[in-house]
C-alpha atoms as a PDB file:
ATOM      1  CA  MET A   1     -18.039 -17.482  37.336  1.00  0.00           C
ATOM      2  CA  ALA A   2     -18.243 -13.491  37.943  1.00  0.00           C
ATOM      3  CA  LEU A   3     -14.918 -13.704  39.957  1.00  0.00           C
ATOM      4  CA  LEU A   4     -13.087 -15.787  37.492  1.00  0.00           C
ATOM      5  CA  SER A   5     -14.312 -13.189  34.629  1.00  0.00           C
ATOM      6  CA  ARG A   6     -12.733 -10.243  36.701  1.00  0.00           C
ATOM      7  CA  LEU A   7      -9.520 -12.235  37.276  1.00  0.00           C
ATOM      8  CA  ILE A   8      -9.302 -12.870  33.490  1.00  0.00           C
ATOM      9  CA  ASP A   9     -10.161  -9.224  32.658  1.00  0.00           C
ATOM     10  CA  LYS A  10      -7.393  -8.131  35.251  1.00  0.00           C
ATOM     11  CA  HIS A  11      -4.979 -10.470  33.455  1.00  0.00           C
ATOM     12  CA  ILE A  12      -5.882  -9.132  30.105  1.00  0.00           C
ATOM     13  CA  ALA A  13      -5.502  -5.500  31.252  1.00  0.00           C
ATOM     14  CA  ALA A  14      -2.010  -6.189  32.768  1.00  0.00           C
ATOM     15  CA  TYR A  15      -0.895  -8.180  29.748  1.00  0.00           C
ATOM     16  CA  GLN A  16      -2.000  -5.216  27.452  1.00  0.00           C
ATOM     17  CA  ARG A  17      -0.267  -2.416  29.524  1.00  0.00           C
ATOM     18  CA  GLU A  18       2.879  -4.842  29.579  1.00  0.00           C
ATOM     19  CA  LEU A  19       2.594  -5.167  25.858  1.00  0.00           C
ATOM     20  CA  ILE A  20       2.262  -1.461  25.028  1.00  0.00           C
ATOM     21  CA  GLU A  21       5.230  -0.572  27.299  1.00  0.00           C
ATOM     22  CA  ILE A  22       7.445  -3.183  25.434  1.00  0.00           C
ATOM     23  CA  HIS A  23       6.567  -1.422  22.272  1.00  0.00           C
ATOM     24  CA  TYR A  24       6.962   1.910  23.192  1.00  0.00           C
ATOM     25  CA  ALA A  25      10.118   1.068  24.694  1.00  0.00           C
ATOM     26  CA  GLU A  26      11.388  -0.115  21.492  1.00  0.00           C
ATOM     27  CA  VAL A  27      10.116   2.500  19.485  1.00  0.00           C
ATOM     28  CA  GLU A  28      11.622   4.970  21.782  1.00  0.00           C
ATOM     29  CA  ASN A  29      15.135   3.174  21.406  1.00  0.00           C
ATOM     30  CA  MET A  30      14.784   3.374  17.531  1.00  0.00           C
ATOM     31  CA  TYR A  31      13.978   7.228  17.722  1.00  0.00           C
ATOM     32  CA  ARG A  32      16.822   7.642  20.367  1.00  0.00           C
ATOM     33  CA  GLN A  33      19.339   6.137  17.825  1.00  0.00           C
ATOM     34  CA  MET A  34      17.898   8.324  14.927  1.00  0.00           C
ATOM     35  CA  ARG A  35      18.115  11.557  17.327  1.00  0.00           C
ATOM     36  CA  GLY A  36      21.743  10.582  18.331  1.00  0.00           C
ATOM     37  CA  TRP A  37      22.652  10.307  14.502  1.00  0.00           C
ATOM     38  CA  ARG A  38      21.129  13.422  13.642  1.00  0.00           C
ATOM     39  CA  HIS A  39      22.756  15.175  16.490  1.00  0.00           C
ATOM     40  CA  ASP A  40      26.284  14.036  15.012  1.00  0.00           C
ATOM     41  CA  TYR A  41      25.238  15.287  11.594  1.00  0.00           C
ATOM     42  CA  ARG A  42      27.475  18.605  11.746  1.00  0.00           C
ATOM     43  CA  SER A  43      30.497  16.629  13.081  1.00  0.00           C
ATOM     44  CA  HIS A  44      30.218  14.083  10.433  1.00  0.00           C
ATOM     45  CA  ILE A  45      30.336  17.131   7.767  1.00  0.00           C
ATOM     46  CA  GLN A  46      33.264  18.611   9.461  1.00  0.00           C
ATOM     47  CA  VAL A  47      35.212  15.238   9.233  1.00  0.00           C
ATOM     48  CA  MET A  48      34.389  14.825   5.727  1.00  0.00           C
ATOM     49  CA  LYS A  49      35.348  18.571   4.867  1.00  0.00           C
ATOM     50  CA  ALA A  50      38.492  17.982   6.447  1.00  0.00           C
ATOM     51  CA  HIS A  51      39.178  14.823   4.479  1.00  0.00           C
ATOM     52  CA  ALA A  52      38.183  16.909   1.317  1.00  0.00           C
ATOM     53  CA  ALA A  53      40.549  19.988   1.956  1.00  0.00           C
ATOM     54  CA  GLN A  54      43.360  17.274   2.162  1.00  0.00           C
ATOM     55  CA  GLY A  55      42.324  15.885  -1.138  1.00  0.00           C
ATOM     56  CA  ASN A  56      41.863  12.691   0.588  1.00  0.00           C
ATOM     57  CA  TRP A  57      39.105  11.462  -1.345  1.00  0.00           C
ATOM     58  CA  GLN A  58      39.607   7.818  -0.361  1.00  0.00           C
ATOM     59  CA  ALA A  59      38.921   8.902   3.160  1.00  0.00           C
ATOM     60  CA  VAL A  60      35.668  10.651   2.093  1.00  0.00           C
ATOM     61  CA  ALA A  61      34.515   7.686   0.142  1.00  0.00           C
ATOM     62  CA  ALA A  62      35.261   5.456   3.197  1.00  0.00           C
ATOM     63  CA  TYR A  63      33.694   7.759   5.832  1.00  0.00           C
ATOM     64  CA  LEU A  64      30.513   7.858   3.533  1.00  0.00           C
ATOM     65  CA  ASP A  65      30.372   4.073   3.255  1.00  0.00           C
ATOM     66  CA  GLN A  66      30.380   3.956   7.250  1.00  0.00           C
ATOM     67  CA  LEU A  67      27.686   6.581   7.446  1.00  0.00           C
ATOM     68  CA  GLU A  68      25.646   4.825   4.956  1.00  0.00           C
ATOM     69  CA  THR A  69      26.024   1.536   7.240  1.00  0.00           C
ATOM     70  CA  ASP A  70      25.165   3.509  10.385  1.00  0.00           C
ATOM     71  CA  LEU A  71      22.241   5.167   9.058  1.00  0.00           C
ATOM     72  CA  ALA A  72      20.635   1.854   7.442  1.00  0.00           C
ATOM     73  CA  ALA A  73      20.553   0.710  11.056  1.00  0.00           C
ATOM     74  CA  VAL A  74      18.383   3.329  12.486  1.00  0.00           C
ATOM     75  CA  ASP A  75      16.474   4.293   9.056  1.00  0.00           C
ATOM     76  CA  THR A  76      12.620   3.995   9.274  1.00  0.00           C
ATOM     77  CA  VAL A  77      12.454   0.802   7.083  1.00  0.00           C
ATOM     78  CA  VAL A  78       8.594   0.720   6.748  1.00  0.00           C
ATOM     79  CA  LYS A  79       6.248   3.503   5.769  1.00  0.00           C
ATOM     80  CA  THR A  80       2.822   1.854   5.790  1.00  0.00           C
ATOM     81  CA  GLY A  81       0.881   5.355   5.938  1.00  0.00           C
ATOM     82  CA  ASN A  82      -0.502   4.574   9.519  1.00  0.00           C
ATOM     83  CA  PRO A  83       1.738   6.005  12.327  1.00  0.00           C
ATOM     84  CA  MET A  84       0.901   3.116  14.829  1.00  0.00           C
ATOM     85  CA  ALA A  85       1.537   0.393  12.463  1.00  0.00           C
ATOM     86  CA  ASP A  86       4.890   2.056  11.420  1.00  0.00           C
ATOM     87  CA  ALA A  87       5.942   2.430  15.180  1.00  0.00           C
ATOM     88  CA  ILE A  88       5.087  -1.174  15.875  1.00  0.00           C
ATOM     89  CA  LEU A  89       6.513  -2.757  12.621  1.00  0.00           C
ATOM     90  CA  ASN A  90       9.968  -0.695  12.471  1.00  0.00           C
ATOM     91  CA  SER A  91      10.490  -1.460  16.122  1.00  0.00           C
ATOM     92  CA  LYS A  92      10.179  -4.995  15.475  1.00  0.00           C
ATOM     93  CA  ILE A  93      12.128  -4.789  12.319  1.00  0.00           C
ATOM     94  CA  SER A  94      14.956  -3.373  14.366  1.00  0.00           C
ATOM     95  CA  LEU A  95      14.650  -6.017  17.276  1.00  0.00           C
ATOM     96  CA  ALA A  96      14.791  -8.869  14.545  1.00  0.00           C
ATOM     97  CA  ARG A  97      17.735  -7.200  12.901  1.00  0.00           C
ATOM     98  CA  SER A  98      19.523  -7.129  16.644  1.00  0.00           C
ATOM     99  CA  LYS A  99      19.077 -10.936  16.613  1.00  0.00           C
ATOM    100  CA  HIS A 100      20.591 -11.215  12.854  1.00  0.00           C
ATOM    101  CA  ILE A 101      16.961 -12.100  11.368  1.00  0.00           C
ATOM    102  CA  GLN A 102      16.256 -10.721   7.954  1.00  0.00           C
ATOM    103  CA  VAL A 103      12.926  -9.136   7.253  1.00  0.00           C
ATOM    104  CA  ARG A 104      11.170  -8.409   4.079  1.00  0.00           C
ATOM    105  CA  ALA A 105       8.286  -6.276   4.605  1.00  0.00           C
ATOM    106  CA  ASP A 106       5.839  -5.030   1.878  1.00  0.00           C
ATOM    107  CA  ALA A 107       2.873  -3.211   4.182  1.00  0.00           C
ATOM    108  CA  SER A 108       0.163  -0.527   3.447  1.00  0.00           C
ATOM    109  CA  VAL A 109      -2.221   0.437   6.212  1.00  0.00           C
ATOM    110  CA  PRO A 110      -5.105   2.844   5.905  1.00  0.00           C
ATOM    111  CA  VAL A 111      -4.606   6.065   8.150  1.00  0.00           C
ATOM    112  CA  ALA A 112      -7.996   5.802   9.611  1.00  0.00           C
ATOM    113  CA  LEU A 113      -8.995   2.252  10.879  1.00  0.00           C
ATOM    114  CA  ASP A 114     -12.142   1.009  12.599  1.00  0.00           C
ATOM    115  CA  ILE A 115      -9.679  -1.085  14.803  1.00  0.00           C
ATOM    116  CA  SER A 116      -8.207   0.433  17.961  1.00  0.00           C
ATOM    117  CA  ALA A 117      -4.465   1.235  18.384  1.00  0.00           C
ATOM    118  CA  LEU A 118      -4.318  -1.305  21.106  1.00  0.00           C
ATOM    119  CA  ASP A 119      -5.693  -4.080  18.956  1.00  0.00           C
ATOM    120  CA  LEU A 120      -3.633  -3.322  16.220  1.00  0.00           C
ATOM    121  CA  CYS A 121      -0.530  -3.200  18.694  1.00  0.00           C
ATOM    122  CA  VAL A 122      -1.569  -6.642  20.280  1.00  0.00           C
ATOM    123  CA  ILE A 123      -1.965  -8.262  16.455  1.00  0.00           C
ATOM    124  CA  LEU A 124       1.192  -7.283  14.837  1.00  0.00           C
ATOM    125  CA  GLY A 125       3.285  -7.138  18.009  1.00  0.00           C
ATOM    126  CA  ASN A 126       2.568 -10.769  18.651  1.00  0.00           C
ATOM    127  CA  LEU A 127       2.706 -12.011  15.212  1.00  0.00           C
ATOM    128  CA  PHE A 128       6.341 -10.423  15.075  1.00  0.00           C
ATOM    129  CA  ASP A 129       7.419 -11.795  18.458  1.00  0.00           C
ATOM    130  CA  ASN A 130       6.256 -15.317  17.623  1.00  0.00           C
ATOM    131  CA  ALA A 131       8.000 -15.133  14.140  1.00  0.00           C
ATOM    132  CA  ILE A 132      11.345 -13.757  15.811  1.00  0.00           C
ATOM    133  CA  GLU A 133      11.164 -16.581  18.488  1.00  0.00           C
ATOM    134  CA  ALA A 134      10.419 -19.125  15.779  1.00  0.00           C
ATOM    135  CA  SER A 135      13.423 -18.170  13.758  1.00  0.00           C
ATOM    136  CA  LEU A 136      16.133 -18.121  16.532  1.00  0.00           C
ATOM    137  CA  PRO A 137      16.840 -21.748  16.480  1.00  0.00           C
ATOM    138  CA  LEU A 138      17.739 -21.408  12.799  1.00  0.00           C
ATOM    139  CA  PRO A 139      21.384 -20.734  11.451  1.00  0.00           C
ATOM    140  CA  GLU A 140      21.645 -17.032  10.992  1.00  0.00           C
ATOM    141  CA  GLU A 141      21.806 -17.195   7.258  1.00  0.00           C
ATOM    142  CA  GLN A 142      18.549 -18.985   7.108  1.00  0.00           C
ATOM    143  CA  ARG A 143      16.331 -16.684   9.399  1.00  0.00           C
ATOM    144  CA  LEU A 144      13.927 -14.736   7.356  1.00  0.00           C
ATOM    145  CA  ILE A 145      10.508 -13.144   7.943  1.00  0.00           C
ATOM    146  CA  ARG A 146       8.184 -12.116   5.349  1.00  0.00           C
ATOM    147  CA  VAL A 147       5.379  -9.644   6.280  1.00  0.00           C
ATOM    148  CA  TYR A 148       2.569  -8.307   3.846  1.00  0.00           C
ATOM    149  CA  ILE A 149      -0.256  -6.046   4.721  1.00  0.00           C
ATOM    150  CA  ASP A 150      -2.585  -4.540   2.419  1.00  0.00           C
ATOM    151  CA  ARG A 151      -6.204  -3.436   2.019  1.00  0.00           C
ATOM    152  CA  LYS A 152      -8.269  -5.745   0.054  1.00  0.00           C
ATOM    153  CA  GLY A 153     -11.624  -4.174  -0.537  1.00  0.00           C
ATOM    154  CA  GLU A 154     -13.284  -3.366   2.762  1.00  0.00           C
ATOM    155  CA  GLN A 155     -10.572  -5.625   4.741  1.00  0.00           C
ATOM    156  CA  LEU A 156      -7.277  -5.368   5.918  1.00  0.00           C
ATOM    157  CA  TYR A 157      -5.348  -8.444   4.960  1.00  0.00           C
ATOM    158  CA  ILE A 158      -2.202  -9.101   7.290  1.00  0.00           C
ATOM    159  CA  SER A 159       0.218 -12.108   6.436  1.00  0.00           C
ATOM    160  CA  PHE A 160       3.223 -13.270   8.357  1.00  0.00           C
ATOM    161  CA  THR A 161       5.656 -16.052   7.209  1.00  0.00           C
ATOM    162  CA  ASN A 162       8.757 -17.152   8.924  1.00  0.00           C
ATOM    163  CA  PHE A 163      11.150 -19.902   8.386  1.00  0.00           C
ATOM    164  CA  THR A 164      11.200 -22.632  11.301  1.00  0.00           C
ATOM    165  CA  ALA A 165      13.366 -25.387  12.425  1.00  0.00           C
ATOM    166  CA  GLY A 166      12.278 -29.079  13.177  1.00  0.00           C
ATOM    167  CA  GLY A 167       9.766 -29.518  10.250  1.00  0.00           C
ATOM    168  CA  ARG A 168       6.127 -29.002  10.100  1.00  0.00           C
ATOM    169  CA  GLN A 169       4.415 -28.201  13.221  1.00  0.00           C
ATOM    170  CA  ARG A 170       1.419 -30.149  14.630  1.00  0.00           C
ATOM    171  CA  LYS A 171      -1.788 -29.233  16.163  1.00  0.00           C
ATOM    172  CA  ARG A 172      -2.765 -30.018  19.770  1.00  0.00           C
ATOM    173  CA  GLU A 173      -6.437 -29.943  20.678  1.00  0.00           C
ATOM    174  CA  GLY A 174      -7.118 -28.238  17.439  1.00  0.00           C
ATOM    175  CA  ARG A 175      -4.749 -25.447  17.528  1.00  0.00           C
ATOM    176  CA  PHE A 176      -0.928 -24.543  17.120  1.00  0.00           C
ATOM    177  CA  ARG A 177       0.959 -24.071  20.376  1.00  0.00           C
ATOM    178  CA  SER A 178       3.460 -21.233  21.179  1.00  0.00           C
ATOM    179  CA  THR A 179       7.021 -22.282  20.368  1.00  0.00           C
ATOM    180  CA  LYS A 180       7.908 -20.712  23.820  1.00  0.00           C
ATOM    181  CA  GLY A 181       6.536 -23.599  25.494  1.00  0.00           C
ATOM    182  CA  GLU A 182       3.723 -24.347  28.040  1.00  0.00           C
ATOM    183  CA  GLY A 183       2.231 -21.160  29.699  1.00  0.00           C
ATOM    184  CA  HIS A 184       3.278 -18.732  26.793  1.00  0.00           C
ATOM    185  CA  GLY A 185       0.556 -18.766  24.430  1.00  0.00           C
ATOM    186  CA  PHE A 186      -1.320 -16.183  25.929  1.00  0.00           C
ATOM    187  CA  GLY A 187      -0.407 -13.961  22.960  1.00  0.00           C
ATOM    188  CA  LEU A 188      -1.886 -16.572  20.402  1.00  0.00           C
ATOM    189  CA  VAL A 189      -5.226 -16.358  22.273  1.00  0.00           C
ATOM    190  CA  ARG A 190      -5.205 -12.764  22.653  1.00  0.00           C
ATOM    191  CA  ILE A 191      -5.055 -12.616  18.663  1.00  0.00           C
ATOM    192  CA  ASP A 192      -7.645 -15.130  18.309  1.00  0.00           C
ATOM    193  CA  ALA A 193      -9.927 -13.387  20.536  1.00  0.00           C
ATOM    194  CA  ILE A 194      -9.443  -9.849  18.896  1.00  0.00           C
ATOM    195  CA  VAL A 195     -10.210 -11.262  15.328  1.00  0.00           C
ATOM    196  CA  GLU A 196     -13.151 -12.951  16.608  1.00  0.00           C
ATOM    197  CA  ARG A 197     -14.594 -10.058  18.471  1.00  0.00           C
ATOM    198  CA  LEU A 198     -13.938  -7.860  15.184  1.00  0.00           C
ATOM    199  CA  GLY A 199     -15.550 -10.186  12.853  1.00  0.00           C
ATOM    200  CA  GLY A 200     -12.499 -11.123  11.106  1.00  0.00           C
ATOM    201  CA  TRP A 201     -10.765 -14.335   9.846  1.00  0.00           C
ATOM    202  CA  LEU A 202      -7.555 -15.958  10.712  1.00  0.00           C
ATOM    203  CA  SER A 203      -5.730 -19.144   9.321  1.00  0.00           C
ATOM    204  CA  ARG A 204      -2.456 -20.617  10.566  1.00  0.00           C
ATOM    205  CA  ASN A 205      -0.618 -22.915   8.269  1.00  0.00           C
ATOM    206  CA  SER A 206       2.561 -25.132   8.969  1.00  0.00           C
ATOM    207  CA  GLU A 207       4.529 -26.378   5.994  1.00  0.00           C
ATOM    208  CA  GLU A 208       7.777 -27.998   5.973  1.00  0.00           C
ATOM    209  CA  GLY A 209      10.313 -25.302   7.017  1.00  0.00           C
ATOM    210  CA  ALA A 210       7.756 -22.502   7.179  1.00  0.00           C
ATOM    211  CA  PHE A 211       4.829 -21.251   9.294  1.00  0.00           C
ATOM    212  CA  THR A 212       2.441 -18.540   7.962  1.00  0.00           C
ATOM    213  CA  THR A 213      -0.518 -16.724   9.757  1.00  0.00           C
ATOM    214  CA  GLU A 214      -2.808 -14.928   7.590  1.00  0.00           C
ATOM    215  CA  ILE A 215      -5.674 -12.608   9.201  1.00  0.00           C
ATOM    216  CA  LEU A 216      -8.357 -10.576   7.552  1.00  0.00           C
ATOM    217  CA  LEU A 217     -10.006  -7.703   9.368  1.00  0.00           C
ATOM    218  CA  PRO A 218     -12.969  -5.440   8.612  1.00  0.00           C
ATOM    219  CA  VAL A 219     -11.459  -1.741   7.713  1.00  0.00           C
ATOM    220  CA  GLY A 220     -14.932  -0.243   8.644  1.00  0.00           C
ATOM    221  CA  GLY A 221     -17.927  -1.101  10.578  1.00  0.00           C
ATOM    222  CA  GLY A 222     -15.922  -3.485  12.883  1.00  0.00           C
ATOM    223  CA  THR A 223     -16.714  -3.493  16.477  1.00  0.00           C
ATOM    224  CA  ARG A 224     -13.742  -2.416  18.999  1.00  0.00           C
END
Protein backbone atom coordinates (compact mmCIF):
# COMPACT_ATOMS: atom_id res chain seq x y z
CA MET A 1 0.00 0.00 0.00
CA ALA A 2 2.85 2.38 0.89
CA LEU A 3 4.54 1.67 -2.46
CA LEU A 4 1.29 2.31 -4.33
CA SER A 5 0.81 5.58 -2.45
CA ARG A 6 4.34 6.71 -3.36
CA LEU A 7 3.76 5.83 -7.02
CA ILE A 8 0.53 7.83 -7.05
CA ASP A 9 2.24 10.81 -5.38
CA LYS A 10 5.05 10.62 -7.93
CA HIS A 11 2.53 10.51 -10.79
CA ILE A 12 0.67 13.52 -9.36
CA ALA A 13 3.89 15.50 -8.89
CA ALA A 14 4.96 14.80 -12.48
CA TYR A 15 1.50 15.76 -13.74
CA GLN A 16 1.57 19.03 -11.77
CA ARG A 17 5.00 19.96 -13.13
CA GLU A 18 3.85 19.23 -16.67
CA LEU A 19 0.70 21.30 -16.19
CA ILE A 20 2.60 24.29 -14.81
CA GLU A 21 5.15 24.09 -17.64
CA ILE A 22 2.35 24.05 -20.23
CA HIS A 23 0.63 27.06 -18.66
CA TYR A 24 3.87 29.01 -18.36
CA ALA A 25 4.67 28.25 -22.00
CA GLU A 26 1.24 29.50 -23.07
CA VAL A 27 1.57 32.68 -20.98
CA GLU A 28 5.11 33.31 -22.26
CA ASN A 29 3.87 32.97 -25.85
CA MET A 30 1.11 35.50 -25.20
CA TYR A 31 3.50 37.99 -23.59
CA ARG A 32 6.03 37.44 -26.38
CA GLN A 33 3.38 38.54 -28.88
CA MET A 34 2.62 41.61 -26.76
CA ARG A 35 6.31 42.53 -26.49
CA GLY A 36 6.68 42.16 -30.24
CA TRP A 37 3.74 44.48 -30.87
CA ARG A 38 5.16 47.09 -28.50
CA HIS A 39 8.58 46.77 -30.12
CA ASP A 40 7.05 47.65 -33.49
CA TYR A 41 5.08 50.59 -32.06
CA ARG A 42 7.45 53.30 -33.39
CA SER A 43 7.46 51.74 -36.84
CA HIS A 44 3.66 51.78 -36.91
CA ILE A 45 3.68 55.48 -35.97
CA GLN A 46 6.16 56.29 -38.73
CA VAL A 47 4.05 54.51 -41.35
CA MET A 48 0.93 56.43 -40.34
CA LYS A 49 2.84 59.74 -40.27
CA ALA A 50 4.08 59.05 -43.80
CA HIS A 51 0.52 58.39 -45.02
CA ALA A 52 -0.71 61.51 -43.21
CA ALA A 53 2.03 63.68 -44.76
CA GLN A 54 0.79 62.59 -48.19
CA GLY A 55 -2.78 63.34 -47.21
CA ASN A 56 -3.69 59.70 -47.74
CA TRP A 57 -6.23 59.45 -44.92
CA GLN A 58 -7.80 56.34 -46.41
CA ALA A 59 -4.47 54.53 -45.98
CA VAL A 60 -4.21 55.81 -42.39
CA ALA A 61 -7.69 54.48 -41.60
CA ALA A 62 -6.93 51.12 -43.20
CA TYR A 63 -3.66 50.85 -41.27
CA LEU A 64 -5.42 51.67 -37.99
CA ASP A 65 -7.99 48.96 -38.70
CA GLN A 66 -5.19 46.46 -39.27
CA LEU A 67 -3.45 47.48 -36.03
CA GLU A 68 -6.69 47.16 -34.10
CA THR A 69 -7.14 43.61 -35.39
CA ASP A 70 -3.56 42.66 -34.52
CA LEU A 71 -3.78 44.20 -31.04
CA ALA A 72 -7.06 42.42 -30.29
CA ALA A 73 -5.29 39.12 -30.84
CA VAL A 74 -2.68 39.79 -28.12
CA ASP A 75 -4.50 42.09 -25.72
CA THR A 76 -5.14 40.87 -22.18
CA VAL A 77 -8.77 39.91 -22.42
CA VAL A 78 -9.59 39.14 -18.80
CA LYS A 79 -8.50 41.18 -15.78
CA THR A 80 -9.76 39.35 -12.71
CA GLY A 81 -7.71 41.16 -10.09
CA ASN A 82 -5.65 38.03 -9.37
CA PRO A 83 -2.34 37.68 -11.30
CA MET A 84 -2.33 33.85 -11.43
CA ALA A 85 -5.97 33.68 -12.55
CA ASP A 86 -5.25 36.33 -15.20
CA ALA A 87 -2.26 34.37 -16.52
CA ILE A 88 -4.17 31.09 -16.75
CA LEU A 89 -7.41 32.46 -18.18
CA ASN A 90 -5.79 34.72 -20.76
CA SER A 91 -3.43 32.02 -21.96
CA LYS A 92 -6.35 29.61 -22.37
CA ILE A 93 -8.50 32.22 -24.11
CA SER A 94 -5.62 32.79 -26.53
CA LEU A 95 -5.40 29.02 -27.09
CA ALA A 96 -9.18 28.77 -27.65
CA ARG A 97 -9.10 31.61 -30.18
CA SER A 98 -6.33 29.87 -32.09
CA LYS A 99 -8.74 26.95 -32.45
CA HIS A 100 -11.61 29.23 -33.55
CA ILE A 101 -13.54 28.89 -30.28
CA GLN A 102 -15.41 31.92 -28.97
CA VAL A 103 -15.00 32.63 -25.25
CA ARG A 104 -17.24 34.83 -23.11
CA ALA A 105 -15.61 35.43 -19.75
CA ASP A 106 -16.77 37.41 -16.73
CA ALA A 107 -14.31 36.83 -13.92
CA SER A 108 -13.44 38.52 -10.65
CA VAL A 109 -11.00 36.82 -8.29
CA PRO A 110 -9.70 38.15 -4.94
CA VAL A 111 -6.00 38.96 -4.95
CA ALA A 112 -5.50 37.06 -1.69
CA LEU A 113 -6.84 33.52 -1.69
CA ASP A 114 -6.47 30.66 0.74
CA ILE A 115 -5.97 28.48 -2.32
CA SER A 116 -2.48 27.73 -3.59
CA ALA A 117 -1.47 28.96 -7.02
CA LEU A 118 -0.91 25.34 -8.03
CA ASP A 119 -4.44 24.29 -7.03
CA LEU A 120 -5.94 27.25 -8.87
CA CYS A 121 -3.81 26.43 -11.91
CA VAL A 122 -4.92 22.78 -11.91
CA ILE A 123 -8.63 23.63 -11.56
CA LEU A 124 -8.88 26.45 -14.10
CA GLY A 125 -6.44 24.89 -16.55
CA ASN A 126 -8.20 21.54 -16.64
CA LEU A 127 -11.67 23.07 -16.85
CA PHE A 128 -10.58 25.16 -19.82
CA ASP A 129 -8.73 22.30 -21.53
CA ASN A 130 -11.77 20.03 -21.21
CA ALA A 131 -14.07 22.74 -22.57
CA ILE A 132 -11.76 23.36 -25.53
CA GLU A 133 -11.47 19.65 -26.30
CA ALA A 134 -15.25 19.20 -26.16
CA SER A 135 -15.80 22.20 -28.46
CA LEU A 136 -13.60 21.01 -31.32
CA PRO A 137 -16.08 18.50 -32.87
CA LEU A 138 -18.59 21.34 -33.38
CA PRO A 139 -18.71 23.56 -36.47
CA GLU A 140 -16.67 26.71 -35.82
CA GLU A 141 -19.73 28.98 -35.70
CA GLN A 142 -21.19 26.88 -32.84
CA ARG A 143 -18.10 26.75 -30.65
CA LEU A 144 -18.59 28.72 -27.45
CA ILE A 145 -17.21 28.58 -23.91
CA ARG A 146 -18.74 30.65 -21.10
CA VAL A 147 -16.67 31.35 -17.99
CA TYR A 148 -18.00 33.02 -14.85
CA ILE A 149 -15.95 33.48 -11.68
CA ASP A 150 -16.88 35.65 -8.70
CA ARG A 151 -16.84 35.76 -4.95
CA LYS A 152 -20.05 34.73 -3.24
CA GLY A 153 -19.77 35.56 0.45
CA GLU A 154 -16.88 33.52 1.83
CA GLN A 155 -16.66 31.30 -1.26
CA LEU A 156 -15.23 31.54 -4.76
CA TYR A 157 -17.75 30.49 -7.41
CA ILE A 158 -16.37 29.04 -10.67
CA SER A 159 -18.59 28.10 -13.61
CA PHE A 160 -17.58 26.74 -17.03
CA THR A 161 -20.14 25.98 -19.75
CA ASN A 162 -19.37 24.75 -23.25
CA PHE A 163 -21.51 23.60 -26.15
CA THR A 164 -21.08 19.94 -27.02
CA ALA A 165 -21.70 17.62 -29.95
CA GLY A 166 -23.54 14.32 -29.75
CA GLY A 167 -26.29 15.21 -27.31
CA ARG A 168 -26.39 14.71 -23.57
CA GLN A 169 -23.43 12.94 -21.96
CA ARG A 170 -24.08 9.95 -19.72
CA LYS A 171 -22.35 9.08 -16.48
CA ARG A 172 -20.46 5.85 -16.16
CA GLU A 173 -19.94 4.41 -12.71
CA GLY A 174 -21.44 7.56 -11.22
CA ARG A 175 -19.23 10.11 -12.98
CA PHE A 176 -18.70 11.81 -16.32
CA ARG A 177 -15.70 10.69 -18.34
CA SER A 178 -13.17 12.79 -20.22
CA THR A 179 -14.02 13.43 -23.86
CA LYS A 180 -10.43 12.50 -24.70
CA GLY A 181 -11.12 8.81 -24.19
CA GLU A 182 -9.88 6.16 -21.81
CA GLY A 183 -6.76 7.02 -19.83
CA HIS A 184 -7.19 10.79 -20.22
CA GLY A 185 -9.45 11.57 -17.24
CA PHE A 186 -6.69 12.29 -14.73
CA GLY A 187 -7.43 16.04 -14.86
CA LEU A 188 -11.01 15.42 -13.74
CA VAL A 189 -9.76 13.31 -10.85
CA ARG A 190 -7.31 16.05 -9.82
CA ILE A 191 -10.08 18.66 -9.80
CA ASP A 192 -12.28 16.41 -7.68
CA ALA A 193 -9.44 15.73 -5.23
CA ILE A 194 -8.57 19.42 -4.82
CA VAL A 195 -12.19 20.48 -4.30
CA GLU A 196 -12.66 17.75 -1.71
CA ARG A 197 -9.43 18.63 0.09
CA LEU A 198 -10.36 22.31 0.24
CA GLY A 199 -13.81 21.49 1.60
CA GLY A 200 -15.54 22.83 -1.49
CA TRP A 201 -18.49 21.76 -3.63
CA LEU A 202 -18.56 20.57 -7.24
CA SER A 203 -21.37 19.84 -9.71
CA ARG A 204 -21.23 18.65 -13.32
CA ASN A 205 -24.35 18.79 -15.44
CA SER A 206 -24.87 17.64 -19.02
CA GLU A 207 -27.87 18.98 -20.89
CA GLU A 208 -28.73 18.60 -24.55
CA GLY A 209 -25.92 20.40 -26.37
CA ALA A 210 -24.17 21.86 -23.32
CA PHE A 211 -21.96 20.79 -20.43
CA THR A 212 -21.55 22.83 -17.22
CA THR A 213 -19.17 22.49 -14.30
CA GLU A 214 -19.79 24.53 -11.14
CA ILE A 215 -17.39 24.77 -8.21
CA LEU A 216 -17.53 26.54 -4.84
CA LEU A 217 -14.28 26.95 -2.88
CA PRO A 218 -13.73 28.58 0.52
CA VAL A 219 -12.02 31.96 0.08
CA GLY A 220 -10.62 31.86 3.59
CA GLY A 221 -9.95 29.10 6.06
CA GLY A 222 -9.43 26.36 3.46
CA THR A 223 -6.81 23.65 3.78
CA ARG A 224 -4.06 23.63 1.18
